[in-house]
Amino acid sequence: MKKLGKVSVIARNGNLLVKTSKPYRIGTPVVDQQIKRLGKIVDVIGPVRAPFIVVNTKGIGKQLKIGDVLYLMDKQPQRSTSSKRSKRPPPKKYHKTSSNRKKPTKR
């Protein structure tokens, strides 16, 4: 878990404006101290040296307070690998048929 920054503004729709030290990738999941997922980064605004991150929380952000610290999830949870499907289908097997017939020849 990496520290994202402190909540600066809470919008009516639940979006959060977080002051941070450097810009992060859009789509990165954002969590609180209890590792409860709050939302994801949807925009980076402001100057590069002191950017603000917009976090879309879909209404969950109304429970937070200004000054709360948010964190980034470094790694996504691993998907189960029980089904070992490859992306390509296996090659088709062609059966050779033997026949006693001769191929017609052109004269």
PDB file of N, CA and C in Angstrom:
ATOM      1  N   MET A   1       0.838  -1.169   0.000  1.00  0.00           N
ATOM      2  CA  MET A   1       0.000   0.000   0.000  1.00  0.00           C
ATOM      3  C   MET A   1       0.892   1.245   0.000  1.00  0.00           C
ATOM      4  N   LYS A   2       0.599   2.170  -0.895  1.00  0.00           N
ATOM      5  CA  LYS A   2       1.320   3.440  -0.949  1.00  0.00           C
ATOM      6  C   LYS A   2       0.385   4.550  -0.494  1.00  0.00           C
ATOM      7  N   LYS A   3       0.941   5.526   0.176  1.00  0.00           N
ATOM      8  CA  LYS A   3       0.148   6.667   0.615  1.00  0.00           C
ATOM      9  C   LYS A   3      -0.144   7.548  -0.590  1.00  0.00           C
ATOM     10  N   LEU A   4      -1.425   7.837  -0.820  1.00  0.00           N
ATOM     11  CA  LEU A   4      -1.831   8.705  -1.917  1.00  0.00           C
ATOM     12  C   LEU A   4      -1.791  10.159  -1.482  1.00  0.00           C
ATOM     13  N   GLY A   5      -2.467  10.485  -0.393  1.00  0.00           N
ATOM     14  CA  GLY A   5      -2.502  11.857   0.088  1.00  0.00           C
ATOM     15  C   GLY A   5      -3.712  12.083   0.975  1.00  0.00           C
ATOM     16  N   LYS A   6      -3.950  13.363   1.296  1.00  0.00           N
ATOM     17  CA  LYS A   6      -5.063  13.734   2.173  1.00  0.00           C
ATOM     18  C   LYS A   6      -6.222  14.280   1.359  1.00  0.00           C
ATOM     19  N   VAL A   7      -7.438  13.989   1.813  1.00  0.00           N
ATOM     20  CA  VAL A   7      -8.642  14.485   1.163  1.00  0.00           C
ATOM     21  C   VAL A   7      -8.732  15.988   1.376  1.00  0.00           C
ATOM     22  N   SER A   8      -8.877  16.757   0.271  1.00  0.00           N
ATOM     23  CA  SER A   8      -8.990  18.211   0.357  1.00  0.00           C
ATOM     24  C   SER A   8     -10.432  18.678   0.182  1.00  0.00           C
ATOM     25  N   VAL A   9     -11.151  18.047  -0.750  1.00  0.00           N
ATOM     26  CA  VAL A   9     -12.524  18.452  -1.062  1.00  0.00           C
ATOM     27  C   VAL A   9     -13.365  17.197  -1.245  1.00  0.00           C
ATOM     28  N   ILE A  10     -14.606  17.258  -0.731  1.00  0.00           N
ATOM     29  CA  ILE A  10     -15.574  16.190  -0.961  1.00  0.00           C
ATOM     30  C   ILE A  10     -16.736  16.803  -1.736  1.00  0.00           C
ATOM     31  N   ALA A  11     -16.943  16.349  -2.964  1.00  0.00           N
ATOM     32  CA  ALA A  11     -18.012  16.893  -3.807  1.00  0.00           C
ATOM     33  C   ALA A  11     -19.356  16.293  -3.408  1.00  0.00           C
ATOM     34  N   ARG A  12     -20.427  16.930  -3.845  1.00  0.00           N
ATOM     35  CA  ARG A  12     -21.779  16.440  -3.524  1.00  0.00           C
ATOM     36  C   ARG A  12     -22.047  15.063  -4.104  1.00  0.00           C
ATOM     37  N   ASN A  13     -21.464  14.787  -5.252  1.00  0.00           N
ATOM     38  CA  ASN A  13     -21.688  13.484  -5.890  1.00  0.00           C
ATOM     39  C   ASN A  13     -20.799  12.388  -5.308  1.00  0.00           C
ATOM     40  N   GLY A  14     -19.948  12.731  -4.334  1.00  0.00           N
ATOM     41  CA  GLY A  14     -19.104  11.728  -3.690  1.00  0.00           C
ATOM     42  C   GLY A  14     -17.690  11.674  -4.200  1.00  0.00           C
ATOM     43  N   ASN A  15     -17.381  12.419  -5.263  1.00  0.00           N
ATOM     44  CA  ASN A  15     -15.999  12.455  -5.754  1.00  0.00           C
ATOM     45  C   ASN A  15     -15.108  13.161  -4.740  1.00  0.00           C
ATOM     46  N   LEU A  16     -13.856  12.729  -4.695  1.00  0.00           N
ATOM     47  CA  LEU A  16     -12.901  13.303  -3.760  1.00  0.00           C
ATOM     48  C   LEU A  16     -11.787  13.992  -4.529  1.00  0.00           C
ATOM     49  N   LEU A  17     -11.289  15.090  -3.966  1.00  0.00           N
ATOM     50  CA  LEU A  17     -10.129  15.773  -4.502  1.00  0.00           C
ATOM     51  C   LEU A  17      -9.028  15.582  -3.471  1.00  0.00           C
ATOM     52  N   VAL A  18      -7.960  14.887  -3.872  1.00  0.00           N
ATOM     53  CA  VAL A  18      -6.898  14.490  -2.953  1.00  0.00           C
ATOM     54  C   VAL A  18      -5.607  15.207  -3.339  1.00  0.00           C
ATOM     55  N   LYS A  19      -5.000  15.899  -2.373  1.00  0.00           N
ATOM     56  CA  LYS A  19      -3.716  16.563  -2.610  1.00  0.00           C
ATOM     57  C   LYS A  19      -2.613  15.525  -2.441  1.00  0.00           C
ATOM     58  N   THR A  20      -1.735  15.453  -3.425  1.00  0.00           N
ATOM     59  CA  THR A  20      -0.685  14.442  -3.422  1.00  0.00           C
ATOM     60  C   THR A  20       0.642  15.062  -3.846  1.00  0.00           C
ATOM     61  N   SER A  21       1.709  14.284  -3.753  1.00  0.00           N
ATOM     62  CA  SER A  21       3.039  14.799  -4.094  1.00  0.00           C
ATOM     63  C   SER A  21       3.433  14.530  -5.536  1.00  0.00           C
ATOM     64  N   LYS A  22       2.843  13.523  -6.166  1.00  0.00           N
ATOM     65  CA  LYS A  22       3.162  13.236  -7.567  1.00  0.00           C
ATOM     66  C   LYS A  22       1.950  12.623  -8.250  1.00  0.00           C
ATOM     67  N   PRO A  23       1.866  12.750  -9.581  1.00  0.00           N
ATOM     68  CA  PRO A  23       0.720  12.187 -10.296  1.00  0.00           C
ATOM     69  C   PRO A  23       0.789  10.663 -10.349  1.00  0.00           C
ATOM     70  N   TYR A  24      -0.375  10.036 -10.342  1.00  0.00           N
ATOM     71  CA  TYR A  24      -0.472   8.579 -10.427  1.00  0.00           C
ATOM     72  C   TYR A  24      -1.331   8.198 -11.613  1.00  0.00           C
ATOM     73  N   ARG A  25      -1.288   6.929 -11.972  1.00  0.00           N
ATOM     74  CA  ARG A  25      -1.983   6.405 -13.148  1.00  0.00           C
ATOM     75  C   ARG A  25      -3.501   6.407 -12.944  1.00  0.00           C
ATOM     76  N   ILE A  26      -4.236   6.835 -13.969  1.00  0.00           N
ATOM     77  CA  ILE A  26      -5.693   6.806 -13.948  1.00  0.00           C
ATOM     78  C   ILE A  26      -6.152   5.350 -13.944  1.00  0.00           C
ATOM     79  N   GLY A  27      -7.163   5.058 -13.124  1.00  0.00           N
ATOM     80  CA  GLY A  27      -7.690   3.702 -13.018  1.00  0.00           C
ATOM     81  C   GLY A  27      -7.133   2.928 -11.844  1.00  0.00           C
ATOM     82  N   THR A  28      -6.168   3.491 -11.114  1.00  0.00           N
ATOM     83  CA  THR A  28      -5.581   2.809  -9.960  1.00  0.00           C
ATOM     84  C   THR A  28      -6.581   2.784  -8.809  1.00  0.00           C
ATOM     85  N   PRO A  29      -6.799   1.625  -8.178  1.00  0.00           N
ATOM     86  CA  PRO A  29      -7.745   1.540  -7.061  1.00  0.00           C
ATOM     87  C   PRO A  29      -7.251   2.322  -5.841  1.00  0.00           C
ATOM     88  N   VAL A  30      -8.194   2.961  -5.138  1.00  0.00           N
ATOM     89  CA  VAL A  30      -7.901   3.750  -3.948  1.00  0.00           C
ATOM     90  C   VAL A  30      -8.602   3.110  -2.755  1.00  0.00           C
ATOM     91  N   VAL A  31      -7.875   2.994  -1.629  1.00  0.00           N
ATOM     92  CA  VAL A  31      -8.421   2.363  -0.424  1.00  0.00           C
ATOM     93  C   VAL A  31      -8.187   3.278   0.781  1.00  0.00           C
ATOM     94  N   ASP A  32      -8.843   2.934   1.909  1.00  0.00           N
ATOM     95  CA  ASP A  32      -8.609   3.670   3.153  1.00  0.00           C
ATOM     96  C   ASP A  32      -7.658   2.862   4.033  1.00  0.00           C
ATOM     97  N   GLN A  33      -7.513   3.252   5.310  1.00  0.00           N
ATOM     98  CA  GLN A  33      -6.577   2.577   6.205  1.00  0.00           C
ATOM     99  C   GLN A  33      -6.943   1.118   6.436  1.00  0.00           C
ATOM    100  N   GLN A  34      -8.218   0.798   6.425  1.00  0.00           N
ATOM    101  CA  GLN A  34      -8.663  -0.578   6.666  1.00  0.00           C
ATOM    102  C   GLN A  34      -8.645  -1.418   5.382  1.00  0.00           C
ATOM    103  N   ILE A  35      -8.036  -0.892   4.337  1.00  0.00           N
ATOM    104  CA  ILE A  35      -7.940  -1.530   3.020  1.00  0.00           C
ATOM    105  C   ILE A  35      -9.333  -1.802   2.444  1.00  0.00           C
ATOM    106  N   LYS A  36     -10.267  -0.921   2.722  1.00  0.00           N
ATOM    107  CA  LYS A  36     -11.606  -0.980   2.134  1.00  0.00           C
ATOM    108  C   LYS A  36     -11.567  -0.154   0.859  1.00  0.00           C
ATOM    109  N   ARG A  37     -11.941  -0.767  -0.244  1.00  0.00           N
ATOM    110  CA  ARG A  37     -11.876  -0.072  -1.527  1.00  0.00           C
ATOM    111  C   ARG A  37     -12.896   1.067  -1.558  1.00  0.00           C
ATOM    112  N   LEU A  38     -12.420   2.244  -1.913  1.00  0.00           N
ATOM    113  CA  LEU A  38     -13.278   3.424  -1.981  1.00  0.00           C
ATOM    114  C   LEU A  38     -13.648   3.789  -3.408  1.00  0.00           C
ATOM    115  N   GLY A  39     -12.764   3.564  -4.332  1.00  0.00           N
ATOM    116  CA  GLY A  39     -13.007   3.940  -5.723  1.00  0.00           C
ATOM    117  C   GLY A  39     -11.733   3.844  -6.519  1.00  0.00           C
ATOM    118  N   LYS A  40     -11.661   4.658  -7.580  1.00  0.00           N
ATOM    119  CA  LYS A  40     -10.466   4.647  -8.418  1.00  0.00           C
ATOM    120  C   LYS A  40     -10.163   6.054  -8.908  1.00  0.00           C
ATOM    121  N   ILE A  41      -8.925   6.255  -9.329  1.00  0.00           N
ATOM    122  CA  ILE A  41      -8.486   7.549  -9.842  1.00  0.00           C
ATOM    123  C   ILE A  41      -9.093   7.757 -11.223  1.00  0.00           C
ATOM    124  N   VAL A  42      -9.754   8.917 -11.410  1.00  0.00           N
ATOM    125  CA  VAL A  42     -10.358   9.217 -12.703  1.00  0.00           C
ATOM    126  C   VAL A  42      -9.720  10.403 -13.406  1.00  0.00           C
ATOM    127  N   ASP A  43      -8.958  11.226 -12.655  1.00  0.00           N
ATOM    128  CA  ASP A  43      -8.334  12.386 -13.290  1.00  0.00           C
ATOM    129  C   ASP A  43      -7.193  12.903 -12.419  1.00  0.00           C
ATOM    130  N   VAL A  44      -6.238  13.556 -13.062  1.00  0.00           N
ATOM    131  CA  VAL A  44      -5.132  14.220 -12.375  1.00  0.00           C
ATOM    132  C   VAL A  44      -5.156  15.665 -12.852  1.00  0.00           C
ATOM    133  N   ILE A  45      -5.259  16.618 -11.902  1.00  0.00           N
ATOM    134  CA  ILE A  45      -5.352  18.023 -12.279  1.00  0.00           C
ATOM    135  C   ILE A  45      -4.340  18.840 -11.489  1.00  0.00           C
ATOM    136  N   GLY A  46      -4.062  20.043 -11.980  1.00  0.00           N
ATOM    137  CA  GLY A  46      -3.161  20.944 -11.277  1.00  0.00           C
ATOM    138  C   GLY A  46      -1.740  20.841 -11.788  1.00  0.00           C
ATOM    139  N   PRO A  47      -0.815  21.555 -11.126  1.00  0.00           N
ATOM    140  CA  PRO A  47       0.579  21.543 -11.559  1.00  0.00           C
ATOM    141  C   PRO A  47       1.246  20.198 -11.281  1.00  0.00           C
ATOM    142  N   VAL A  48       2.265  19.878 -12.049  1.00  0.00           N
ATOM    143  CA  VAL A  48       2.942  18.583 -11.926  1.00  0.00           C
ATOM    144  C   VAL A  48       3.623  18.436 -10.575  1.00  0.00           C
ATOM    145  N   ARG A  49       4.158  19.498 -10.029  1.00  0.00           N
ATOM    146  CA  ARG A  49       4.871  19.415  -8.752  1.00  0.00           C
ATOM    147  C   ARG A  49       3.936  19.231  -7.559  1.00  0.00           C
ATOM    148  N   ALA A  50       2.708  19.662  -7.671  1.00  0.00           N
ATOM    149  CA  ALA A  50       1.741  19.515  -6.570  1.00  0.00           C
ATOM    150  C   ALA A  50       0.360  19.212  -7.147  1.00  0.00           C
ATOM    151  N   PRO A  51       0.175  18.023  -7.727  1.00  0.00           N
ATOM    152  CA  PRO A  51      -1.090  17.714  -8.401  1.00  0.00           C
ATOM    153  C   PRO A  51      -2.208  17.356  -7.413  1.00  0.00           C
ATOM    154  N   PHE A  52      -3.416  17.403  -7.919  1.00  0.00           N
ATOM    155  CA  PHE A  52      -4.584  16.925  -7.202  1.00  0.00           C
ATOM    156  C   PHE A  52      -5.113  15.723  -7.969  1.00  0.00           C
ATOM    157  N   ILE A  53      -5.566  14.726  -7.243  1.00  0.00           N
ATOM    158  CA  ILE A  53      -6.115  13.509  -7.831  1.00  0.00           C
ATOM    159  C   ILE A  53      -7.625  13.523  -7.612  1.00  0.00           C
ATOM    160  N   VAL A  54      -8.395  13.246  -8.656  1.00  0.00           N
ATOM    161  CA  VAL A  54      -9.845  13.118  -8.538  1.00  0.00           C
ATOM    162  C   VAL A  54     -10.160  11.632  -8.412  1.00  0.00           C
ATOM    163  N   VAL A  55     -10.847  11.265  -7.321  1.00  0.00           N
ATOM    164  CA  VAL A  55     -11.197   9.873  -7.056  1.00  0.00           C
ATOM    165  C   VAL A  55     -12.702   9.725  -7.153  1.00  0.00           C
ATOM    166  N   ASN A  56     -13.172   8.853  -8.030  1.00  0.00           N
ATOM    167  CA  ASN A  56     -14.603   8.575  -8.166  1.00  0.00           C
ATOM    168  C   ASN A  56     -14.961   7.482  -7.164  1.00  0.00           C
ATOM    169  N   THR A  57     -15.838   7.807  -6.200  1.00  0.00           N
ATOM    170  CA  THR A  57     -16.179   6.844  -5.152  1.00  0.00           C
ATOM    171  C   THR A  57     -17.591   6.303  -5.282  1.00  0.00           C
ATOM    172  N   LYS A  58     -18.380   6.811  -6.215  1.00  0.00           N
ATOM    173  CA  LYS A  58     -19.767   6.375  -6.414  1.00  0.00           C
ATOM    174  C   LYS A  58     -20.577   6.474  -5.121  1.00  0.00           C
ATOM    175  N   GLY A  59     -20.415   7.575  -4.402  1.00  0.00           N
ATOM    176  CA  GLY A  59     -21.220   7.836  -3.214  1.00  0.00           C
ATOM    177  C   GLY A  59     -20.610   7.409  -1.897  1.00  0.00           C
ATOM    178  N   ILE A  60     -19.616   6.545  -1.910  1.00  0.00           N
ATOM    179  CA  ILE A  60     -19.001   6.065  -0.673  1.00  0.00           C
ATOM    180  C   ILE A  60     -18.186   7.176  -0.017  1.00  0.00           C
ATOM    181  N   GLY A  61     -17.714   8.126  -0.789  1.00  0.00           N
ATOM    182  CA  GLY A  61     -16.847   9.185  -0.288  1.00  0.00           C
ATOM    183  C   GLY A  61     -17.515  10.146   0.670  1.00  0.00           C
ATOM    184  N   LYS A  62     -18.842  10.145   0.729  1.00  0.00           N
ATOM    185  CA  LYS A  62     -19.547  11.049   1.636  1.00  0.00           C
ATOM    186  C   LYS A  62     -19.296  10.678   3.092  1.00  0.00           C
ATOM    187  N   GLN A  63     -18.854   9.464   3.355  1.00  0.00           N
ATOM    188  CA  GLN A  63     -18.586   9.014   4.719  1.00  0.00           C
ATOM    189  C   GLN A  63     -17.232   9.515   5.217  1.00  0.00           C
ATOM    190  N   LEU A  64     -16.366   9.956   4.312  1.00  0.00           N
ATOM    191  CA  LEU A  64     -15.029  10.419   4.690  1.00  0.00           C
ATOM    192  C   LEU A  64     -15.065  11.864   5.160  1.00  0.00           C
ATOM    193  N   LYS A  65     -13.994  12.298   5.790  1.00  0.00           N
ATOM    194  CA  LYS A  65     -13.847  13.672   6.263  1.00  0.00           C
ATOM    195  C   LYS A  65     -12.656  14.312   5.566  1.00  0.00           C
ATOM    196  N   ILE A  66     -12.659  15.630   5.522  1.00  0.00           N
ATOM    197  CA  ILE A  66     -11.517  16.351   4.961  1.00  0.00           C
ATOM    198  C   ILE A  66     -10.323  16.113   5.883  1.00  0.00           C
ATOM    199  N   GLY A  67      -9.207  15.744   5.296  1.00  0.00           N
ATOM    200  CA  GLY A  67      -7.999  15.458   6.064  1.00  0.00           C
ATOM    201  C   GLY A  67      -7.724  13.974   6.226  1.00  0.00           C
ATOM    202  N   ASP A  68      -8.688  13.117   5.875  1.00  0.00           N
ATOM    203  CA  ASP A  68      -8.452  11.671   5.936  1.00  0.00           C
ATOM    204  C   ASP A  68      -7.384  11.278   4.925  1.00  0.00           C
ATOM    205  N   VAL A  69      -6.570  10.313   5.282  1.00  0.00           N
ATOM    206  CA  VAL A  69      -5.493   9.851   4.410  1.00  0.00           C
ATOM    207  C   VAL A  69      -5.987   8.668   3.585  1.00  0.00           C
ATOM    208  N   LEU A  70      -5.698   8.702   2.295  1.00  0.00           N
ATOM    209  CA  LEU A  70      -6.066   7.614   1.386  1.00  0.00           C
ATOM    210  C   LEU A  70      -4.803   6.945   0.861  1.00  0.00           C
ATOM    211  N   TYR A  71      -4.966   5.707   0.407  1.00  0.00           N
ATOM    212  CA  TYR A  71      -3.835   4.898  -0.059  1.00  0.00           C
ATOM    213  C   TYR A  71      -4.139   4.287  -1.412  1.00  0.00           C
ATOM    214  N   LEU A  72      -3.073   3.878  -2.110  1.00  0.00           N
ATOM    215  CA  LEU A  72      -3.194   3.184  -3.393  1.00  0.00           C
ATOM    216  C   LEU A  72      -2.965   1.699  -3.181  1.00  0.00           C
ATOM    217  N   MET A  73      -3.675   0.889  -3.925  1.00  0.00           N
ATOM    218  CA  MET A  73      -3.414  -0.553  -3.927  1.00  0.00           C
ATOM    219  C   MET A  73      -2.308  -0.802  -4.939  1.00  0.00           C
ATOM    220  N   ASP A  74      -1.196  -1.372  -4.474  1.00  0.00           N
ATOM    221  CA  ASP A  74      -0.062  -1.638  -5.365  1.00  0.00           C
ATOM    222  C   ASP A  74      -0.363  -2.755  -6.339  1.00  0.00           C
ATOM    223  N   LYS A  75      -0.899  -3.854  -5.825  1.00  0.00           N
ATOM    224  CA  LYS A  75      -1.128  -5.025  -6.656  1.00  0.00           C
ATOM    225  C   LYS A  75      -2.597  -5.373  -6.654  1.00  0.00           C
ATOM    226  N   GLN A  76      -3.079  -5.767  -7.831  1.00  0.00           N
ATOM    227  CA  GLN A  76      -4.450  -6.244  -7.952  1.00  0.00           C
ATOM    228  C   GLN A  76      -4.532  -7.652  -7.384  1.00  0.00           C
ATOM    229  N   PRO A  77      -5.671  -8.043  -6.815  1.00  0.00           N
ATOM    230  CA  PRO A  77      -5.799  -9.422  -6.353  1.00  0.00           C
ATOM    231  C   PRO A  77      -5.627 -10.400  -7.515  1.00  0.00           C
ATOM    232  N   GLN A  78      -4.958 -11.501  -7.250  1.00  0.00           N
ATOM    233  CA  GLN A  78      -4.698 -12.492  -8.291  1.00  0.00           C
ATOM    234  C   GLN A  78      -5.972 -13.256  -8.624  1.00  0.00           C
ATOM    235  N   ARG A  79      -6.193 -13.470  -9.887  1.00  0.00           N
ATOM    236  CA  ARG A  79      -7.313 -14.303 -10.313  1.00  0.00           C
ATOM    237  C   ARG A  79      -6.922 -15.756 -10.145  1.00  0.00           C
ATOM    238  N   SER A  80      -7.901 -16.572  -9.884  1.00  0.00           N
ATOM    239  CA  SER A  80      -7.588 -17.990  -9.717  1.00  0.00           C
ATOM    240  C   SER A  80      -7.151 -18.562 -11.053  1.00  0.00           C
ATOM    241  N   THR A  81      -6.183 -19.435 -10.999  1.00  0.00           N
ATOM    242  CA  THR A  81      -5.656 -20.036 -12.223  1.00  0.00           C
ATOM    243  C   THR A  81      -6.084 -21.491 -12.336  1.00  0.00           C
ATOM    244  N   SER A  82      -7.237 -21.811 -11.734  1.00  0.00           N
ATOM    245  CA  SER A  82      -7.679 -23.198 -11.765  1.00  0.00           C
ATOM    246  C   SER A  82      -8.046 -23.638 -13.177  1.00  0.00           C
ATOM    247  N   SER A  83      -8.618 -22.753 -13.957  1.00  0.00           N
ATOM    248  CA  SER A  83      -8.920 -23.128 -15.339  1.00  0.00           C
ATOM    249  C   SER A  83      -7.752 -22.659 -16.190  1.00  0.00           C
ATOM    250  N   LYS A  84      -7.025 -23.617 -16.705  1.00  0.00           N
ATOM    251  CA  LYS A  84      -5.818 -23.301 -17.476  1.00  0.00           C
ATOM    252  C   LYS A  84      -6.158 -23.233 -18.958  1.00  0.00           C
ATOM    253  N   ARG A  85      -6.917 -22.236 -19.305  1.00  0.00           N
ATOM    254  CA  ARG A  85      -7.272 -22.041 -20.701  1.00  0.00           C
ATOM    255  C   ARG A  85      -6.231 -21.152 -21.359  1.00  0.00           C
ATOM    256  N   SER A  86      -5.868 -21.524 -22.540  1.00  0.00           N
ATOM    257  CA  SER A  86      -4.968 -20.652 -23.282  1.00  0.00           C
ATOM    258  C   SER A  86      -5.819 -19.708 -24.115  1.00  0.00           C
ATOM    259  N   LYS A  87      -5.225 -18.643 -24.553  1.00  0.00           N
ATOM    260  CA  LYS A  87      -5.972 -17.664 -25.326  1.00  0.00           C
ATOM    261  C   LYS A  87      -6.295 -18.182 -26.719  1.00  0.00           C
ATOM    262  N   ARG A  88      -5.449 -19.042 -27.235  1.00  0.00           N
ATOM    263  CA  ARG A  88      -5.693 -19.624 -28.554  1.00  0.00           C
ATOM    264  C   ARG A  88      -6.263 -21.015 -28.408  1.00  0.00           C
ATOM    265  N   PRO A  89      -7.151 -21.372 -29.295  1.00  0.00           N
ATOM    266  CA  PRO A  89      -7.639 -22.755 -29.244  1.00  0.00           C
ATOM    267  C   PRO A  89      -6.532 -23.695 -29.691  1.00  0.00           C
ATOM    268  N   PRO A  90      -6.558 -24.932 -29.249  1.00  0.00           N
ATOM    269  CA  PRO A  90      -5.519 -25.871 -29.671  1.00  0.00           C
ATOM    270  C   PRO A  90      -5.612 -26.120 -31.170  1.00  0.00           C
ATOM    271  N   PRO A  91      -4.503 -26.487 -31.796  1.00  0.00           N
ATOM    272  CA  PRO A  91      -4.534 -26.722 -33.244  1.00  0.00           C
ATOM    273  C   PRO A  91      -5.434 -27.910 -33.574  1.00  0.00           C
ATOM    274  N   LYS A  92      -6.075 -27.804 -34.735  1.00  0.00           N
ATOM    275  CA  LYS A  92      -6.970 -28.884 -35.159  1.00  0.00           C
ATOM    276  C   LYS A  92      -6.139 -30.068 -35.636  1.00  0.00           C
ATOM    277  N   LYS A  93      -6.647 -31.229 -35.334  1.00  0.00           N
ATOM    278  CA  LYS A  93      -5.966 -32.449 -35.766  1.00  0.00           C
ATOM    279  C   LYS A  93      -6.677 -32.971 -37.011  1.00  0.00           C
ATOM    280  N   TYR A  94      -5.910 -33.183 -38.027  1.00  0.00           N
ATOM    281  CA  TYR A  94      -6.458 -33.699 -39.264  1.00  0.00           C
ATOM    282  C   TYR A  94      -6.116 -35.180 -39.349  1.00  0.00           C
ATOM    283  N   HIS A  95      -7.117 -35.945 -39.619  1.00  0.00           N
ATOM    284  CA  HIS A  95      -6.912 -37.384 -39.752  1.00  0.00           C
ATOM    285  C   HIS A  95      -6.671 -37.713 -41.217  1.00  0.00           C
ATOM    286  N   LYS A  96      -5.640 -38.470 -41.440  1.00  0.00           N
ATOM    287  CA  LYS A  96      -5.360 -38.897 -42.805  1.00  0.00           C
ATOM    288  C   LYS A  96      -6.207 -40.117 -43.094  1.00  0.00           C
ATOM    289  N   THR A  97      -6.821 -40.097 -44.226  1.00  0.00           N
ATOM    290  CA  THR A  97      -7.608 -41.259 -44.619  1.00  0.00           C
ATOM    291  C   THR A  97      -6.871 -41.959 -45.748  1.00  0.00           C
ATOM    292  N   SER A  98      -6.755 -43.214 -45.599  1.00  0.00           N
ATOM    293  CA  SER A  98      -6.080 -43.958 -46.657  1.00  0.00           C
ATOM    294  C   SER A  98      -7.138 -44.519 -47.591  1.00  0.00           C
ATOM    295  N   SER A  99      -6.858 -44.403 -48.828  1.00  0.00           N
ATOM    296  CA  SER A  99      -7.793 -44.966 -49.802  1.00  0.00           C
ATOM    297  C   SER A  99      -6.994 -45.698 -50.883  1.00  0.00           C
ATOM    298  N   ASN A 100      -7.584 -46.670 -51.390  1.00  0.00           N
ATOM    299  CA  ASN A 100      -6.944 -47.478 -52.416  1.00  0.00           C
ATOM    300  C   ASN A 100      -7.189 -46.893 -53.812  1.00  0.00           C
ATOM    301  N   ARG A 101      -7.982 -45.865 -53.854  1.00  0.00           N
ATOM    302  CA  ARG A 101      -8.298 -45.280 -55.149  1.00  0.00           C
ATOM    303  C   ARG A 101      -7.135 -44.440 -55.635  1.00  0.00           C
ATOM    304  N   LYS A 102      -6.935 -44.479 -56.912  1.00  0.00           N
ATOM    305  CA  LYS A 102      -5.910 -43.628 -57.511  1.00  0.00           C
ATOM    306  C   LYS A 102      -6.559 -42.315 -57.904  1.00  0.00           C
ATOM    307  N   LYS A 103      -5.782 -41.271 -57.831  1.00  0.00           N
ATOM    308  CA  LYS A 103      -6.299 -39.977 -58.212  1.00  0.00           C
ATOM    309  C   LYS A 103      -6.406 -39.935 -59.717  1.00  0.00           C
ATOM    310  N   PRO A 104      -7.463 -39.306 -60.210  1.00  0.00           N
ATOM    311  CA  PRO A 104      -7.607 -39.236 -61.693  1.00  0.00           C
ATOM    312  C   PRO A 104      -6.499 -38.369 -62.289  1.00  0.00           C
ATOM    313  N   THR A 105      -5.996 -38.788 -63.364  1.00  0.00           N
ATOM    314  CA  THR A 105      -4.942 -38.037 -64.061  1.00  0.00           C
ATOM    315  C   THR A 105      -5.523 -37.393 -65.291  1.00  0.00           C
ATOM    316  N   LYS A 106      -5.015 -36.271 -65.633  1.00  0.00           N
ATOM    317  CA  LYS A 106      -5.500 -35.554 -66.811  1.00  0.00           C
ATOM    318  C   LYS A 106      -4.728 -36.033 -68.025  1.00  0.00           C
ATOM    319  N   ARG A 107      -5.413 -36.240 -69.114  1.00  0.00           N
ATOM    320  CA  ARG A 107      -4.782 -36.675 -70.352  1.00  0.00           C
ATOM    321  C   ARG A 107      -4.862 -35.667 -71.411  1.00  0.00           C
TER     322      ARG A 107
END
